[in-house]
Amino acid sequence: MVSTNWKKKAENIIKEYLKRIWIEEKHRRDKSILKLEGNYLRSEKSNNGFILLMAALANCIEYLSHKLGLTFYDLVNLCSVEIWRGLFT
């Protein structure tokens, strides 16, 4: 296991690597719930599931933008900033 951050301690790298188990499990569960197969964009069924997921996400963002009085793109930008901030704190 390696890290691009040479200042990280070995035990921190291992802790982060162990989180991958839970991330992979979440992806498997999400694919199962959405009835997606294999990798995206490889089968018609996966493509249909991906399109449904994107449509649901777009509808949620549209709803929130109206509730918060923001444009669709401002809300996406705000969410993106918050996600990035969450990744690095």
PDB file of N, CA and C in Angstrom:
ATOM      1  N   MET A   1       0.850  -1.180   0.000  1.00  0.00           N
ATOM      2  CA  MET A   1       0.000   0.000   0.000  1.00  0.00           C
ATOM      3  C   MET A   1       0.887   1.231   0.000  1.00  0.00           C
ATOM      4  N   VAL A   2       0.489   2.195  -0.809  1.00  0.00           N
ATOM      5  CA  VAL A   2       1.260   3.425  -0.924  1.00  0.00           C
ATOM      6  C   VAL A   2       0.334   4.624  -0.856  1.00  0.00           C
ATOM      7  N   SER A   3       0.928   5.770  -0.634  1.00  0.00           N
ATOM      8  CA  SER A   3       0.165   7.008  -0.612  1.00  0.00           C
ATOM      9  C   SER A   3       0.964   8.071  -1.339  1.00  0.00           C
ATOM     10  N   THR A   4       0.260   9.002  -1.978  1.00  0.00           N
ATOM     11  CA  THR A   4       0.940  10.112  -2.624  1.00  0.00           C
ATOM     12  C   THR A   4       1.377  11.152  -1.603  1.00  0.00           C
ATOM     13  N   ASN A   5       0.844  11.046  -0.388  1.00  0.00           N
ATOM     14  CA  ASN A   5       1.230  11.956   0.687  1.00  0.00           C
ATOM     15  C   ASN A   5       2.341  11.291   1.495  1.00  0.00           C
ATOM     16  N   TRP A   6       3.587  11.672   1.252  1.00  0.00           N
ATOM     17  CA  TRP A   6       4.730  11.020   1.883  1.00  0.00           C
ATOM     18  C   TRP A   6       4.825  11.317   3.375  1.00  0.00           C
ATOM     19  N   LYS A   7       4.044  12.277   3.872  1.00  0.00           N
ATOM     20  CA  LYS A   7       4.068  12.606   5.301  1.00  0.00           C
ATOM     21  C   LYS A   7       3.136  11.709   6.120  1.00  0.00           C
ATOM     22  N   LYS A   8       2.286  10.948   5.454  1.00  0.00           N
ATOM     23  CA  LYS A   8       1.328  10.090   6.168  1.00  0.00           C
ATOM     24  C   LYS A   8       2.046   8.937   6.849  1.00  0.00           C
ATOM     25  N   LYS A   9       1.577   8.646   8.043  1.00  0.00           N
ATOM     26  CA  LYS A   9       2.115   7.499   8.770  1.00  0.00           C
ATOM     27  C   LYS A   9       1.526   6.219   8.181  1.00  0.00           C
ATOM     28  N   ALA A  10       2.286   5.150   8.293  1.00  0.00           N
ATOM     29  CA  ALA A  10       1.846   3.866   7.738  1.00  0.00           C
ATOM     30  C   ALA A  10       0.504   3.438   8.310  1.00  0.00           C
ATOM     31  N   GLU A  11       0.299   3.642   9.618  1.00  0.00           N
ATOM     32  CA  GLU A  11      -0.971   3.205  10.218  1.00  0.00           C
ATOM     33  C   GLU A  11      -2.161   3.991   9.677  1.00  0.00           C
ATOM     34  N   ASN A  12      -1.952   5.267   9.306  1.00  0.00           N
ATOM     35  CA  ASN A  12      -3.040   6.059   8.719  1.00  0.00           C
ATOM     36  C   ASN A  12      -3.361   5.591   7.308  1.00  0.00           C
ATOM     37  N   ILE A  13      -2.347   5.202   6.571  1.00  0.00           N
ATOM     38  CA  ILE A  13      -2.567   4.663   5.227  1.00  0.00           C
ATOM     39  C   ILE A  13      -3.371   3.369   5.322  1.00  0.00           C
ATOM     40  N   ILE A  14      -3.028   2.523   6.274  1.00  0.00           N
ATOM     41  CA  ILE A  14      -3.742   1.256   6.456  1.00  0.00           C
ATOM     42  C   ILE A  14      -5.188   1.512   6.859  1.00  0.00           C
ATOM     43  N   LYS A  15      -5.426   2.473   7.775  1.00  0.00           N
ATOM     44  CA  LYS A  15      -6.796   2.804   8.190  1.00  0.00           C
ATOM     45  C   LYS A  15      -7.635   3.251   6.993  1.00  0.00           C
ATOM     46  N   GLU A  16      -7.050   4.098   6.140  1.00  0.00           N
ATOM     47  CA  GLU A  16      -7.786   4.566   4.960  1.00  0.00           C
ATOM     48  C   GLU A  16      -8.055   3.421   3.992  1.00  0.00           C
ATOM     49  N   TYR A  17      -7.090   2.546   3.830  1.00  0.00           N
ATOM     50  CA  TYR A  17      -7.270   1.407   2.930  1.00  0.00           C
ATOM     51  C   TYR A  17      -8.396   0.502   3.425  1.00  0.00           C
ATOM     52  N   LEU A  18      -8.469   0.308   4.738  1.00  0.00           N
ATOM     53  CA  LEU A  18      -9.507  -0.559   5.302  1.00  0.00           C
ATOM     54  C   LEU A  18     -10.912   0.005   5.099  1.00  0.00           C
ATOM     55  N   LYS A  19     -11.039   1.314   4.909  1.00  0.00           N
ATOM     56  CA  LYS A  19     -12.340   1.928   4.629  1.00  0.00           C
ATOM     57  C   LYS A  19     -12.879   1.471   3.281  1.00  0.00           C
ATOM     58  N   ARG A  20     -11.989   1.055   2.374  1.00  0.00           N
ATOM     59  CA  ARG A  20     -12.411   0.627   1.041  1.00  0.00           C
ATOM     60  C   ARG A  20     -13.384  -0.540   1.104  1.00  0.00           C
ATOM     61  N   ILE A  21     -13.239  -1.398   2.111  1.00  0.00           N
ATOM     62  CA  ILE A  21     -14.143  -2.537   2.255  1.00  0.00           C
ATOM     63  C   ILE A  21     -15.579  -2.039   2.335  1.00  0.00           C
ATOM     64  N   TRP A  22     -15.809  -1.020   3.156  1.00  0.00           N
ATOM     65  CA  TRP A  22     -17.160  -0.489   3.343  1.00  0.00           C
ATOM     66  C   TRP A  22     -17.637   0.243   2.093  1.00  0.00           C
ATOM     67  N   ILE A  23     -16.736   0.922   1.417  1.00  0.00           N
ATOM     68  CA  ILE A  23     -17.097   1.625   0.184  1.00  0.00           C
ATOM     69  C   ILE A  23     -17.504   0.622  -0.889  1.00  0.00           C
ATOM     70  N   GLU A  24     -16.715  -0.438  -1.041  1.00  0.00           N
ATOM     71  CA  GLU A  24     -17.045  -1.472  -2.031  1.00  0.00           C
ATOM     72  C   GLU A  24     -18.372  -2.145  -1.699  1.00  0.00           C
ATOM     73  N   GLU A  25     -18.610  -2.396  -0.398  1.00  0.00           N
ATOM     74  CA  GLU A  25     -19.875  -3.008   0.014  1.00  0.00           C
ATOM     75  C   GLU A  25     -21.048  -2.096  -0.324  1.00  0.00           C
ATOM     76  N   LYS A  26     -20.894  -0.780  -0.104  1.00  0.00           N
ATOM     77  CA  LYS A  26     -21.946   0.176  -0.440  1.00  0.00           C
ATOM     78  C   LYS A  26     -22.216   0.153  -1.941  1.00  0.00           C
ATOM     79  N   HIS A  27     -21.168   0.108  -2.763  1.00  0.00           N
ATOM     80  CA  HIS A  27     -21.367   0.052  -4.212  1.00  0.00           C
ATOM     81  C   HIS A  27     -22.115  -1.218  -4.618  1.00  0.00           C
ATOM     82  N   ARG A  28     -21.754  -2.356  -4.013  1.00  0.00           N
ATOM     83  CA  ARG A  28     -22.462  -3.608  -4.321  1.00  0.00           C
ATOM     84  C   ARG A  28     -23.932  -3.512  -3.930  1.00  0.00           C
ATOM     85  N   ARG A  29     -24.201  -2.936  -2.743  1.00  0.00           N
ATOM     86  CA  ARG A  29     -25.585  -2.800  -2.272  1.00  0.00           C
ATOM     87  C   ARG A  29     -26.370  -1.872  -3.192  1.00  0.00           C
ATOM     88  N   ASP A  30     -25.764  -0.732  -3.569  1.00  0.00           N
ATOM     89  CA  ASP A  30     -26.438   0.218  -4.461  1.00  0.00           C
ATOM     90  C   ASP A  30     -26.739  -0.422  -5.807  1.00  0.00           C
ATOM     91  N   LYS A  31     -25.780  -1.168  -6.353  1.00  0.00           N
ATOM     92  CA  LYS A  31     -26.006  -1.842  -7.628  1.00  0.00           C
ATOM     93  C   LYS A  31     -27.131  -2.861  -7.508  1.00  0.00           C
ATOM     94  N   SER A  32     -27.190  -3.549  -6.370  1.00  0.00           N
ATOM     95  CA  SER A  32     -28.234  -4.542  -6.163  1.00  0.00           C
ATOM     96  C   SER A  32     -29.609  -3.872  -6.090  1.00  0.00           C
ATOM     97  N   ILE A  33     -29.706  -2.786  -5.325  1.00  0.00           N
ATOM     98  CA  ILE A  33     -30.971  -2.076  -5.170  1.00  0.00           C
ATOM     99  C   ILE A  33     -31.443  -1.518  -6.511  1.00  0.00           C
ATOM    100  N   LEU A  34     -30.506  -0.957  -7.280  1.00  0.00           N
ATOM    101  CA  LEU A  34     -30.859  -0.354  -8.564  1.00  0.00           C
ATOM    102  C   LEU A  34     -30.880  -1.359  -9.711  1.00  0.00           C
ATOM    103  N   LYS A  35     -30.584  -2.627  -9.370  1.00  0.00           N
ATOM    104  CA  LYS A  35     -30.563  -3.706 -10.359  1.00  0.00           C
ATOM    105  C   LYS A  35     -29.589  -3.401 -11.504  1.00  0.00           C
ATOM    106  N   LEU A  36     -28.398  -2.921 -11.124  1.00  0.00           N
ATOM    107  CA  LEU A  36     -27.346  -2.645 -12.090  1.00  0.00           C
ATOM    108  C   LEU A  36     -26.423  -3.844 -12.166  1.00  0.00           C
ATOM    109  N   GLU A  37     -25.888  -4.100 -13.331  1.00  0.00           N
ATOM    110  CA  GLU A  37     -24.982  -5.224 -13.518  1.00  0.00           C
ATOM    111  C   GLU A  37     -23.611  -4.707 -13.902  1.00  0.00           C
ATOM    112  N   GLY A  38     -22.587  -5.337 -13.396  1.00  0.00           N
ATOM    113  CA  GLY A  38     -21.227  -5.047 -13.832  1.00  0.00           C
ATOM    114  C   GLY A  38     -20.899  -3.581 -13.803  1.00  0.00           C
ATOM    115  N   ASN A  39     -20.104  -3.155 -14.755  1.00  0.00           N
ATOM    116  CA  ASN A  39     -19.707  -1.761 -14.857  1.00  0.00           C
ATOM    117  C   ASN A  39     -20.755  -0.976 -15.617  1.00  0.00           C
ATOM    118  N   TYR A  40     -20.836   0.314 -15.293  1.00  0.00           N
ATOM    119  CA  TYR A  40     -21.759   1.179 -16.005  1.00  0.00           C
ATOM    120  C   TYR A  40     -21.383   1.224 -17.479  1.00  0.00           C
ATOM    121  N   LEU A  41     -22.360   1.494 -18.293  1.00  0.00           N
ATOM    122  CA  LEU A  41     -22.192   1.690 -19.731  1.00  0.00           C
ATOM    123  C   LEU A  41     -21.719   0.437 -20.453  1.00  0.00           C
ATOM    124  N   ARG A  42     -21.976  -0.735 -19.868  1.00  0.00           N
ATOM    125  CA  ARG A  42     -21.567  -1.973 -20.531  1.00  0.00           C
ATOM    126  C   ARG A  42     -22.758  -2.821 -20.951  1.00  0.00           C
ATOM    127  N   SER A  43     -23.908  -2.547 -20.373  1.00  0.00           N
ATOM    128  CA  SER A  43     -25.079  -3.317 -20.762  1.00  0.00           C
ATOM    129  C   SER A  43     -26.299  -2.402 -20.778  1.00  0.00           C
ATOM    130  N   GLU A  44     -27.311  -2.822 -21.488  1.00  0.00           N
ATOM    131  CA  GLU A  44     -28.532  -2.008 -21.572  1.00  0.00           C
ATOM    132  C   GLU A  44     -29.165  -1.857 -20.195  1.00  0.00           C
ATOM    133  N   LYS A  45     -29.189  -2.940 -19.412  1.00  0.00           N
ATOM    134  CA  LYS A  45     -29.796  -2.883 -18.088  1.00  0.00           C
ATOM    135  C   LYS A  45     -29.049  -1.905 -17.178  1.00  0.00           C
ATOM    136  N   SER A  46     -27.723  -1.928 -17.228  1.00  0.00           N
ATOM    137  CA  SER A  46     -26.934  -0.998 -16.428  1.00  0.00           C
ATOM    138  C   SER A  46     -27.154   0.437 -16.889  1.00  0.00           C
ATOM    139  N   ASN A  47     -27.211   0.630 -18.204  1.00  0.00           N
ATOM    140  CA  ASN A  47     -27.454   1.975 -18.726  1.00  0.00           C
ATOM    141  C   ASN A  47     -28.805   2.502 -18.260  1.00  0.00           C
ATOM    142  N   ASN A  48     -29.828   1.667 -18.302  1.00  0.00           N
ATOM    143  CA  ASN A  48     -31.157   2.088 -17.858  1.00  0.00           C
ATOM    144  C   ASN A  48     -31.141   2.440 -16.370  1.00  0.00           C
ATOM    145  N   GLY A  49     -30.482   1.641 -15.569  1.00  0.00           N
ATOM    146  CA  GLY A  49     -30.380   1.931 -14.135  1.00  0.00           C
ATOM    147  C   GLY A  49     -29.634   3.226 -13.878  1.00  0.00           C
ATOM    148  N   PHE A  50     -28.563   3.446 -14.629  1.00  0.00           N
ATOM    149  CA  PHE A  50     -27.779   4.673 -14.476  1.00  0.00           C
ATOM    150  C   PHE A  50     -28.614   5.892 -14.857  1.00  0.00           C
ATOM    151  N   ILE A  51     -29.374   5.785 -15.938  1.00  0.00           N
ATOM    152  CA  ILE A  51     -30.234   6.895 -16.373  1.00  0.00           C
ATOM    153  C   ILE A  51     -31.294   7.187 -15.313  1.00  0.00           C
ATOM    154  N   LEU A  52     -31.885   6.142 -14.744  1.00  0.00           N
ATOM    155  CA  LEU A  52     -32.882   6.344 -13.676  1.00  0.00           C
ATOM    156  C   LEU A  52     -32.255   7.011 -12.458  1.00  0.00           C
ATOM    157  N   LEU A  53     -31.057   6.599 -12.093  1.00  0.00           N
ATOM    158  CA  LEU A  53     -30.362   7.208 -10.956  1.00  0.00           C
ATOM    159  C   LEU A  53     -30.092   8.686 -11.218  1.00  0.00           C
ATOM    160  N   MET A  54     -29.617   9.012 -12.412  1.00  0.00           N
ATOM    161  CA  MET A  54     -29.335  10.413 -12.747  1.00  0.00           C
ATOM    162  C   MET A  54     -30.614  11.244 -12.784  1.00  0.00           C
ATOM    163  N   ALA A  55     -31.696  10.657 -13.275  1.00  0.00           N
ATOM    164  CA  ALA A  55     -32.977  11.374 -13.311  1.00  0.00           C
ATOM    165  C   ALA A  55     -33.468  11.661 -11.891  1.00  0.00           C
ATOM    166  N   ALA A  56     -33.347  10.683 -11.006  1.00  0.00           N
ATOM    167  CA  ALA A  56     -33.762  10.882  -9.610  1.00  0.00           C
ATOM    168  C   ALA A  56     -32.912  11.962  -8.955  1.00  0.00           C
ATOM    169  N   LEU A  57     -31.613  11.937  -9.198  1.00  0.00           N
ATOM    170  CA  LEU A  57     -30.719  12.945  -8.640  1.00  0.00           C
ATOM    171  C   LEU A  57     -31.061  14.335  -9.178  1.00  0.00           C
ATOM    172  N   ALA A  58     -31.297  14.434 -10.473  1.00  0.00           N
ATOM    173  CA  ALA A  58     -31.650  15.729 -11.071  1.00  0.00           C
ATOM    174  C   ALA A  58     -32.960  16.249 -10.484  1.00  0.00           C
ATOM    175  N   ASN A  59     -33.935  15.368 -10.279  1.00  0.00           N
ATOM    176  CA  ASN A  59     -35.216  15.782  -9.688  1.00  0.00           C
ATOM    177  C   ASN A  59     -35.034  16.276  -8.261  1.00  0.00           C
ATOM    178  N   CYS A  60     -34.191  15.604  -7.496  1.00  0.00           N
ATOM    179  CA  CYS A  60     -33.918  16.037  -6.110  1.00  0.00           C
ATOM    180  C   CYS A  60     -33.260  17.411  -6.102  1.00  0.00           C
ATOM    181  N   ILE A  61     -32.299  17.614  -6.979  1.00  0.00           N
ATOM    182  CA  ILE A  61     -31.616  18.910  -7.044  1.00  0.00           C
ATOM    183  C   ILE A  61     -32.587  19.999  -7.487  1.00  0.00           C
ATOM    184  N   GLU A  62     -33.421  19.688  -8.462  1.00  0.00           N
ATOM    185  CA  GLU A  62     -34.415  20.664  -8.938  1.00  0.00           C
ATOM    186  C   GLU A  62     -35.368  21.051  -7.810  1.00  0.00           C
ATOM    187  N   TYR A  63     -35.846  20.062  -7.059  1.00  0.00           N
ATOM    188  CA  TYR A  63     -36.750  20.311  -5.931  1.00  0.00           C
ATOM    189  C   TYR A  63     -36.068  21.196  -4.885  1.00  0.00           C
ATOM    190  N   LEU A  64     -34.834  20.832  -4.510  1.00  0.00           N
ATOM    191  CA  LEU A  64     -34.116  21.617  -3.502  1.00  0.00           C
ATOM    192  C   LEU A  64     -33.825  23.030  -3.990  1.00  0.00           C
ATOM    193  N   SER A  65     -33.525  23.183  -5.270  1.00  0.00           N
ATOM    194  CA  SER A  65     -33.231  24.521  -5.780  1.00  0.00           C
ATOM    195  C   SER A  65     -34.455  25.426  -5.657  1.00  0.00           C
ATOM    196  N   HIS A  66     -35.647  24.876  -5.907  1.00  0.00           N
ATOM    197  CA  HIS A  66     -36.871  25.673  -5.753  1.00  0.00           C
ATOM    198  C   HIS A  66     -37.141  25.983  -4.286  1.00  0.00           C
ATOM    199  N   LYS A  67     -36.936  25.001  -3.413  1.00  0.00           N
ATOM    200  CA  LYS A  67     -37.177  25.206  -1.977  1.00  0.00           C
ATOM    201  C   LYS A  67     -36.222  26.233  -1.389  1.00  0.00           C
ATOM    202  N   LEU A  68     -34.965  26.238  -1.850  1.00  0.00           N
ATOM    203  CA  LEU A  68     -33.948  27.127  -1.300  1.00  0.00           C
ATOM    204  C   LEU A  68     -33.808  28.434  -2.072  1.00  0.00           C
ATOM    205  N   GLY A  69     -34.512  28.548  -3.198  1.00  0.00           N
ATOM    206  CA  GLY A  69     -34.445  29.770  -3.986  1.00  0.00           C
ATOM    207  C   GLY A  69     -33.115  29.952  -4.708  1.00  0.00           C
ATOM    208  N   LEU A  70     -32.490  28.851  -5.076  1.00  0.00           N
ATOM    209  CA  LEU A  70     -31.218  28.881  -5.803  1.00  0.00           C
ATOM    210  C   LEU A  70     -31.441  28.340  -7.207  1.00  0.00           C
ATOM    211  N   THR A  71     -30.538  28.684  -8.112  1.00  0.00           N
ATOM    212  CA  THR A  71     -30.621  28.070  -9.433  1.00  0.00           C
ATOM    213  C   THR A  71     -30.111  26.632  -9.329  1.00  0.00           C
ATOM    214  N   PHE A  72     -30.473  25.824 -10.280  1.00  0.00           N
ATOM    215  CA  PHE A  72     -30.037  24.427 -10.328  1.00  0.00           C
ATOM    216  C   PHE A  72     -28.513  24.359 -10.247  1.00  0.00           C
ATOM    217  N   TYR A  73     -27.844  25.183 -11.063  1.00  0.00           N
ATOM    218  CA  TYR A  73     -26.386  25.137 -11.135  1.00  0.00           C
ATOM    219  C   TYR A  73     -25.730  25.674  -9.868  1.00  0.00           C
ATOM    220  N   ASP A  74     -26.331  26.700  -9.238  1.00  0.00           N
ATOM    221  CA  ASP A  74     -25.788  27.199  -7.971  1.00  0.00           C
ATOM    222  C   ASP A  74     -25.867  26.123  -6.892  1.00  0.00           C
ATOM    223  N   LEU A  75     -26.975  25.388  -6.861  1.00  0.00           N
ATOM    224  CA  LEU A  75     -27.126  24.331  -5.870  1.00  0.00           C
ATOM    225  C   LEU A  75     -26.133  23.198  -6.119  1.00  0.00           C
ATOM    226  N   VAL A  76     -25.943  22.812  -7.375  1.00  0.00           N
ATOM    227  CA  VAL A  76     -24.958  21.771  -7.697  1.00  0.00           C
ATOM    228  C   VAL A  76     -23.571  22.234  -7.275  1.00  0.00           C
ATOM    229  N   ASN A  77     -23.252  23.482  -7.558  1.00  0.00           N
ATOM    230  CA  ASN A  77     -21.953  24.040  -7.181  1.00  0.00           C
ATOM    231  C   ASN A  77     -21.789  24.035  -5.658  1.00  0.00           C
ATOM    232  N   LEU A  78     -22.824  24.448  -4.940  1.00  0.00           N
ATOM    233  CA  LEU A  78     -22.778  24.465  -3.485  1.00  0.00           C
ATOM    234  C   LEU A  78     -22.587  23.059  -2.929  1.00  0.00           C
ATOM    235  N   CYS A  79     -23.321  22.101  -3.472  1.00  0.00           N
ATOM    236  CA  CYS A  79     -23.169  20.711  -3.028  1.00  0.00           C
ATOM    237  C   CYS A  79     -21.765  20.189  -3.319  1.00  0.00           C
ATOM    238  N   SER A  80     -21.226  20.522  -4.480  1.00  0.00           N
ATOM    239  CA  SER A  80     -19.887  20.081  -4.848  1.00  0.00           C
ATOM    240  C   SER A  80     -18.849  20.634  -3.882  1.00  0.00           C
ATOM    241  N   VAL A  81     -18.983  21.899  -3.536  1.00  0.00           N
ATOM    242  CA  VAL A  81     -18.049  22.519  -2.592  1.00  0.00           C
ATOM    243  C   VAL A  81     -18.132  21.816  -1.243  1.00  0.00           C
ATOM    244  N   GLU A  82     -19.353  21.531  -0.776  1.00  0.00           N
ATOM    245  CA  GLU A  82     -19.524  20.868   0.516  1.00  0.00           C
ATOM    246  C   GLU A  82     -18.961  19.451   0.493  1.00  0.00           C
ATOM    247  N   ILE A  83     -19.130  18.740  -0.608  1.00  0.00           N
ATOM    248  CA  ILE A  83     -18.590  17.376  -0.720  1.00  0.00           C
ATOM    249  C   ILE A  83     -17.069  17.421  -0.664  1.00  0.00           C
ATOM    250  N   TRP A  84     -16.459  18.330  -1.439  1.00  0.00           N
ATOM    251  CA  TRP A  84     -14.997  18.455  -1.426  1.00  0.00           C
ATOM    252  C   TRP A  84     -14.503  18.836  -0.049  1.00  0.00           C
ATOM    253  N   ARG A  85     -15.212  19.766   0.603  1.00  0.00           N
ATOM    254  CA  ARG A  85     -14.812  20.196   1.950  1.00  0.00           C
ATOM    255  C   ARG A  85     -14.871  19.003   2.903  1.00  0.00           C
ATOM    256  N   GLY A  86     -15.911  18.187   2.769  1.00  0.00           N
ATOM    257  CA  GLY A  86     -16.053  17.011   3.623  1.00  0.00           C
ATOM    258  C   GLY A  86     -14.966  15.981   3.390  1.00  0.00           C
ATOM    259  N   LEU A  87     -14.488  15.874   2.171  1.00  0.00           N
ATOM    260  CA  LEU A  87     -13.429  14.910   1.866  1.00  0.00           C
ATOM    261  C   LEU A  87     -12.091  15.299   2.476  1.00  0.00           C
ATOM    262  N   PHE A  88     -11.871  16.576   2.653  1.00  0.00           N
ATOM    263  CA  PHE A  88     -10.560  17.023   3.087  1.00  0.00           C
ATOM    264  C   PHE A  88     -10.538  17.548   4.517  1.00  0.00           C
ATOM    265  N   THR A  89     -11.586  17.270   5.295  1.00  0.00           N
ATOM    266  CA  THR A  89     -11.560  17.678   6.705  1.00  0.00           C
ATOM    267  C   THR A  89     -11.552  16.474   7.595  1.00  0.00           C
TER     268      THR A  89
END
